[in-house]
Protein backbone atom coordinates (compact mmCIF):
# COMPACT_ATOMS: atom_id res chain seq x y z
CA MET A 1 -124.39 -40.49 -118.01
CA SER A 2 -121.35 -39.40 -116.03
CA ARG A 3 -122.13 -37.33 -112.94
CA THR A 4 -121.29 -37.30 -109.28
CA PRO A 5 -123.48 -39.55 -107.10
CA GLN A 6 -125.28 -36.47 -105.71
CA GLY A 7 -126.12 -35.19 -109.21
CA GLN A 8 -126.73 -38.40 -111.09
CA ARG A 9 -129.86 -39.11 -113.07
CA ALA A 10 -130.65 -41.90 -115.49
CA SER A 11 -130.96 -41.36 -119.21
CA LEU A 12 -134.09 -42.50 -121.03
CA ASP A 13 -132.41 -45.69 -122.28
CA LYS A 14 -132.76 -46.72 -118.60
CA GLN A 15 -129.61 -48.76 -118.08
CA PRO A 16 -130.00 -50.64 -114.77
CA HIS A 17 -126.77 -49.30 -113.21
CA GLU A 18 -127.82 -45.72 -114.01
CA VAL A 19 -131.31 -46.20 -112.58
CA ALA A 20 -129.96 -47.85 -109.42
CA ALA A 21 -127.36 -45.11 -108.88
CA MET A 22 -129.95 -42.40 -109.43
CA PHE A 23 -132.30 -43.87 -106.82
CA ASP A 24 -129.40 -44.42 -104.42
CA GLY A 25 -128.92 -40.65 -104.64
CA VAL A 26 -132.52 -39.78 -103.74
CA ALA A 27 -133.09 -42.45 -101.08
CA ALA A 28 -132.54 -40.26 -98.02
CA ARG A 29 -135.52 -37.98 -98.67
CA TYR A 30 -137.42 -40.01 -101.26
CA ASP A 31 -140.68 -40.50 -99.38
CA LEU A 32 -140.89 -36.86 -98.27
CA THR A 33 -140.12 -35.60 -101.78
CA ASN A 34 -142.82 -37.79 -103.32
CA THR A 35 -145.42 -36.51 -100.86
CA VAL A 36 -144.50 -32.88 -101.55
CA LEU A 37 -144.39 -33.25 -105.35
CA SER A 38 -147.69 -35.15 -105.49
CA PHE A 39 -149.46 -32.74 -103.09
CA GLY A 40 -150.08 -35.71 -100.79
CA GLN A 41 -151.77 -37.81 -103.47
CA ASP A 42 -149.12 -40.55 -103.12
CA ARG A 43 -150.91 -41.86 -100.02
CA PHE A 44 -154.21 -42.12 -101.91
CA TRP A 45 -152.50 -43.89 -104.82
CA ARG A 46 -150.99 -46.50 -102.46
CA ARG A 47 -154.36 -47.19 -100.84
CA ALA A 48 -156.02 -47.48 -104.24
CA THR A 49 -153.38 -49.99 -105.36
CA ARG A 50 -153.97 -52.14 -102.31
CA ALA A 51 -157.74 -52.06 -102.86
CA ALA A 52 -157.38 -52.94 -106.55
CA LEU A 53 -155.34 -56.05 -105.72
CA GLY A 54 -158.18 -57.40 -103.55
CA LEU A 55 -155.73 -59.01 -101.13
CA ARG A 56 -156.91 -61.46 -98.49
CA PRO A 57 -155.24 -62.52 -95.23
CA GLY A 58 -152.78 -65.35 -95.84
CA GLU A 59 -152.10 -64.49 -99.47
CA ARG A 60 -148.61 -63.69 -100.73
CA VAL A 61 -148.02 -60.46 -102.65
CA LEU A 62 -144.82 -59.22 -104.29
CA ASP A 63 -144.15 -55.48 -104.52
CA VAL A 64 -141.58 -54.89 -107.29
CA GLY A 65 -139.75 -51.56 -107.33
CA ALA A 66 -140.64 -51.23 -103.66
CA GLY A 67 -137.97 -48.64 -102.89
CA THR A 68 -138.05 -47.83 -99.18
CA GLY A 69 -140.96 -50.21 -98.61
CA VAL A 70 -143.65 -47.59 -98.03
CA SER A 71 -145.85 -49.30 -100.66
CA THR A 72 -145.06 -52.77 -99.26
CA GLU A 73 -146.08 -51.61 -95.80
CA GLU A 74 -149.40 -50.39 -97.22
CA LEU A 75 -150.04 -53.78 -98.86
CA ALA A 76 -149.43 -55.57 -95.56
CA HIS A 77 -152.35 -53.68 -94.01
CA SER A 78 -154.59 -56.10 -95.91
CA GLY A 79 -153.36 -59.03 -93.83
CA ALA A 80 -151.50 -60.56 -96.76
CA TYR A 81 -147.80 -61.39 -96.53
CA ALA A 82 -146.12 -58.63 -98.52
CA VAL A 83 -142.50 -58.70 -99.65
CA GLY A 84 -140.75 -55.90 -101.51
CA ALA A 85 -137.94 -56.06 -104.06
CA ASP A 86 -135.87 -53.24 -105.54
CA LEU A 87 -132.75 -52.73 -107.64
CA SER A 88 -131.42 -49.82 -105.54
CA LEU A 89 -129.46 -50.84 -102.46
CA GLY A 90 -129.62 -47.25 -101.23
CA MET A 91 -133.40 -47.32 -101.24
CA LEU A 92 -133.47 -50.71 -99.50
CA HIS A 93 -131.07 -49.53 -96.80
CA ALA A 94 -133.21 -46.43 -96.21
CA GLY A 95 -136.28 -48.66 -95.95
CA LYS A 96 -134.61 -51.01 -93.49
CA ARG A 97 -133.82 -48.07 -91.22
CA THR A 98 -137.36 -46.68 -91.23
CA ARG A 99 -139.39 -49.89 -91.66
CA PRO A 100 -137.34 -52.74 -90.16
CA GLU A 101 -140.39 -54.99 -89.97
CA VAL A 102 -141.04 -54.88 -93.75
CA PRO A 103 -139.40 -57.73 -95.75
CA LEU A 104 -137.25 -56.05 -98.42
CA LEU A 105 -134.67 -57.65 -100.69
CA ALA A 106 -132.54 -56.78 -103.69
CA GLY A 107 -134.08 -57.86 -106.99
CA ASP A 108 -134.10 -56.93 -110.65
CA ALA A 109 -137.56 -56.73 -112.25
CA LEU A 110 -136.14 -58.64 -115.24
CA ARG A 111 -134.70 -61.48 -113.12
CA LEU A 112 -136.77 -61.84 -109.98
CA PRO A 113 -135.25 -64.18 -107.35
CA PHE A 114 -138.39 -66.27 -106.91
CA ALA A 115 -139.66 -69.59 -108.25
CA ASP A 116 -142.48 -69.83 -110.78
CA ALA A 117 -146.00 -69.22 -109.41
CA SER A 118 -144.72 -68.07 -106.00
CA PHE A 119 -147.27 -65.29 -105.43
CA ASP A 120 -151.03 -64.82 -105.39
CA ALA A 121 -150.61 -61.23 -106.55
CA VAL A 122 -147.88 -58.92 -107.83
CA THR A 123 -147.69 -55.17 -108.17
CA ILE A 124 -145.27 -52.56 -109.41
CA SER A 125 -145.77 -48.89 -108.55
CA PHE A 126 -144.00 -46.08 -110.40
CA ALA A 127 -141.18 -48.43 -111.37
CA LEU A 128 -142.21 -50.20 -114.59
CA ARG A 129 -141.39 -46.94 -116.37
CA ASN A 130 -137.79 -47.27 -115.14
CA VAL A 131 -137.14 -50.78 -116.51
CA ASN A 132 -135.30 -50.90 -119.82
CA ASP A 133 -137.49 -53.73 -121.19
CA THR A 134 -141.13 -53.17 -120.21
CA ASP A 135 -142.46 -56.26 -121.98
CA ALA A 136 -139.87 -58.58 -120.45
CA ALA A 137 -140.66 -57.19 -116.99
CA LEU A 138 -144.38 -57.87 -117.49
CA ARG A 139 -143.56 -61.44 -118.54
CA GLU A 140 -141.32 -61.88 -115.50
CA LEU A 141 -144.14 -60.66 -113.24
CA ALA A 142 -146.40 -63.25 -114.87
CA ARG A 143 -143.81 -65.99 -114.29
CA VAL A 144 -143.79 -65.55 -110.51
CA THR A 145 -147.60 -65.28 -110.26
CA ARG A 146 -149.81 -68.35 -109.89
CA PRO A 147 -152.47 -69.02 -112.56
CA GLY A 148 -155.49 -66.89 -111.68
CA GLY A 149 -153.32 -64.50 -109.67
CA ARG A 150 -153.58 -60.73 -110.01
CA LEU A 151 -151.43 -57.90 -111.26
CA VAL A 152 -151.79 -54.19 -110.57
CA VAL A 153 -149.49 -51.69 -112.26
CA CYS A 154 -149.67 -48.24 -110.66
CA GLU A 155 -147.94 -45.78 -112.95
CA PHE A 156 -148.00 -42.20 -114.14
CA SER A 157 -150.16 -41.85 -117.23
CA THR A 158 -151.93 -39.34 -119.49
CA PRO A 159 -154.53 -36.92 -118.07
CA VAL A 160 -157.79 -37.33 -119.97
CA ASN A 161 -158.93 -33.70 -119.95
CA PRO A 162 -157.00 -31.69 -122.60
CA ALA A 163 -156.91 -28.47 -120.56
CA PHE A 164 -155.77 -30.27 -117.43
CA ARG A 165 -153.21 -32.21 -119.47
CA THR A 166 -151.66 -28.94 -120.66
CA VAL A 167 -151.40 -27.60 -117.11
CA TYR A 168 -150.02 -30.90 -115.85
CA LEU A 169 -147.32 -31.12 -118.53
CA SER A 170 -146.27 -27.57 -117.74
CA TYR A 171 -145.96 -28.49 -114.05
CA LEU A 172 -144.09 -31.66 -114.95
CA MET A 173 -141.47 -30.05 -117.16
CA ARG A 174 -141.04 -26.69 -115.39
CA SER A 175 -142.31 -26.61 -111.83
CA LEU A 176 -141.58 -30.16 -110.66
CA PRO A 177 -137.77 -29.91 -111.07
CA ALA A 178 -137.82 -26.51 -109.37
CA VAL A 179 -139.79 -27.82 -106.39
CA ALA A 180 -137.51 -30.86 -106.20
CA ARG A 181 -134.53 -28.56 -105.73
CA THR A 182 -136.00 -27.43 -102.40
CA VAL A 183 -136.73 -30.88 -100.92
CA SER A 184 -134.80 -33.63 -102.74
CA SER A 185 -131.29 -34.87 -101.99
CA ASN A 186 -130.78 -35.24 -105.77
CA PRO A 187 -132.89 -32.75 -107.76
CA ASP A 188 -131.38 -33.87 -111.10
CA ALA A 189 -133.18 -37.19 -110.71
CA TYR A 190 -136.51 -35.38 -111.00
CA VAL A 191 -135.58 -34.02 -114.41
CA TYR A 192 -135.38 -37.66 -115.51
CA LEU A 193 -138.67 -38.32 -113.72
CA ALA A 194 -140.43 -35.62 -115.73
CA GLU A 195 -138.87 -36.76 -119.02
CA SER A 196 -139.73 -40.42 -118.43
CA ILE A 197 -143.36 -39.63 -117.58
CA ARG A 198 -143.75 -37.58 -120.73
CA ALA A 199 -142.31 -40.41 -122.84
CA TRP A 200 -144.46 -43.15 -121.23
CA PRO A 201 -147.33 -44.80 -123.21
CA ASP A 202 -150.90 -43.77 -122.48
CA GLN A 203 -153.49 -45.98 -120.78
CA ALA A 204 -154.64 -47.93 -123.86
CA ALA A 205 -151.10 -48.51 -125.15
CA LEU A 206 -149.92 -49.88 -121.80
CA ALA A 207 -153.01 -52.10 -121.53
CA ALA A 208 -152.15 -53.65 -124.90
CA ARG A 209 -148.63 -54.42 -123.72
CA VAL A 210 -149.89 -55.99 -120.50
CA GLY A 211 -152.20 -58.25 -122.51
CA ALA A 212 -149.42 -59.26 -124.90
CA ALA A 213 -147.23 -60.33 -121.96
CA GLY A 214 -149.48 -63.19 -120.85
CA TRP A 215 -152.05 -61.37 -118.74
CA GLY A 216 -155.80 -61.55 -119.30
CA ARG A 217 -158.84 -59.48 -118.34
CA VAL A 218 -156.83 -56.29 -118.60
CA ALA A 219 -158.56 -53.10 -117.47
CA TRP A 220 -157.53 -49.75 -116.11
CA ARG A 221 -158.84 -47.07 -113.80
CA ASN A 222 -157.71 -43.45 -113.86
CA LEU A 223 -156.70 -41.73 -110.64
CA THR A 224 -156.35 -37.96 -110.20
CA GLY A 225 -157.78 -37.31 -113.66
CA GLY A 226 -155.37 -39.70 -115.37
CA VAL A 227 -152.17 -38.37 -113.80
CA VAL A 228 -151.90 -41.96 -112.55
CA ALA A 229 -153.58 -45.09 -113.87
CA LEU A 230 -154.08 -48.49 -112.22
CA HIS A 231 -153.83 -51.31 -114.76
CA ARG A 232 -155.33 -54.52 -113.47
CA ALA A 233 -154.98 -58.00 -115.00
CA THR A 234 -155.22 -61.72 -114.21
CA ARG A 235 -152.58 -64.39 -114.83
CA GLU A 236 -153.80 -66.70 -117.56
């Protein structure tokens, strides 16, 4: 998709250079925009992800798609050593300015720069949807996790109540891009956000894919009525 850096968004085939450029364009106000668009629920979702991982002091946890490191910082509150990785250099630079104490490095979810079984736990929040090969990313997360280690995927999902789902989809496709125009440095990116959420598999379909990628004991928990779901699993 050919646009200026300020107006770039990724297409749904999710080519890595498009996704990285799109997030470079929203990095400056990314955290603020997320808080506004989620009505402050983003903070609750980060805390729930940390709790679901069951981290203990001294453990090592990898946060893939960490962006500016706000999620990595939350994970570190457990006492575990948390390191974040992201494809977007713009997001990482923004994170280094605001959270210099958080370890952040460049990394592709399909080719993580870590040895096998390096981590006790791994997580990916609102980023698995942006990878162009979901199944390969889940296998790569399994590769860097020790046997018995844990995975939590925090991702937008499908609201379970039909009436609420109708209202939510209307907000997603109509209101969200309009709100983004008032707070985001790249409102076009939030058109992609809405489209990618709508195209994403529901809770059961994603659970099946997690299980097929080498993870066991797969379960999920809905947050905010299913707007977001936490998928939990254990490395076999």
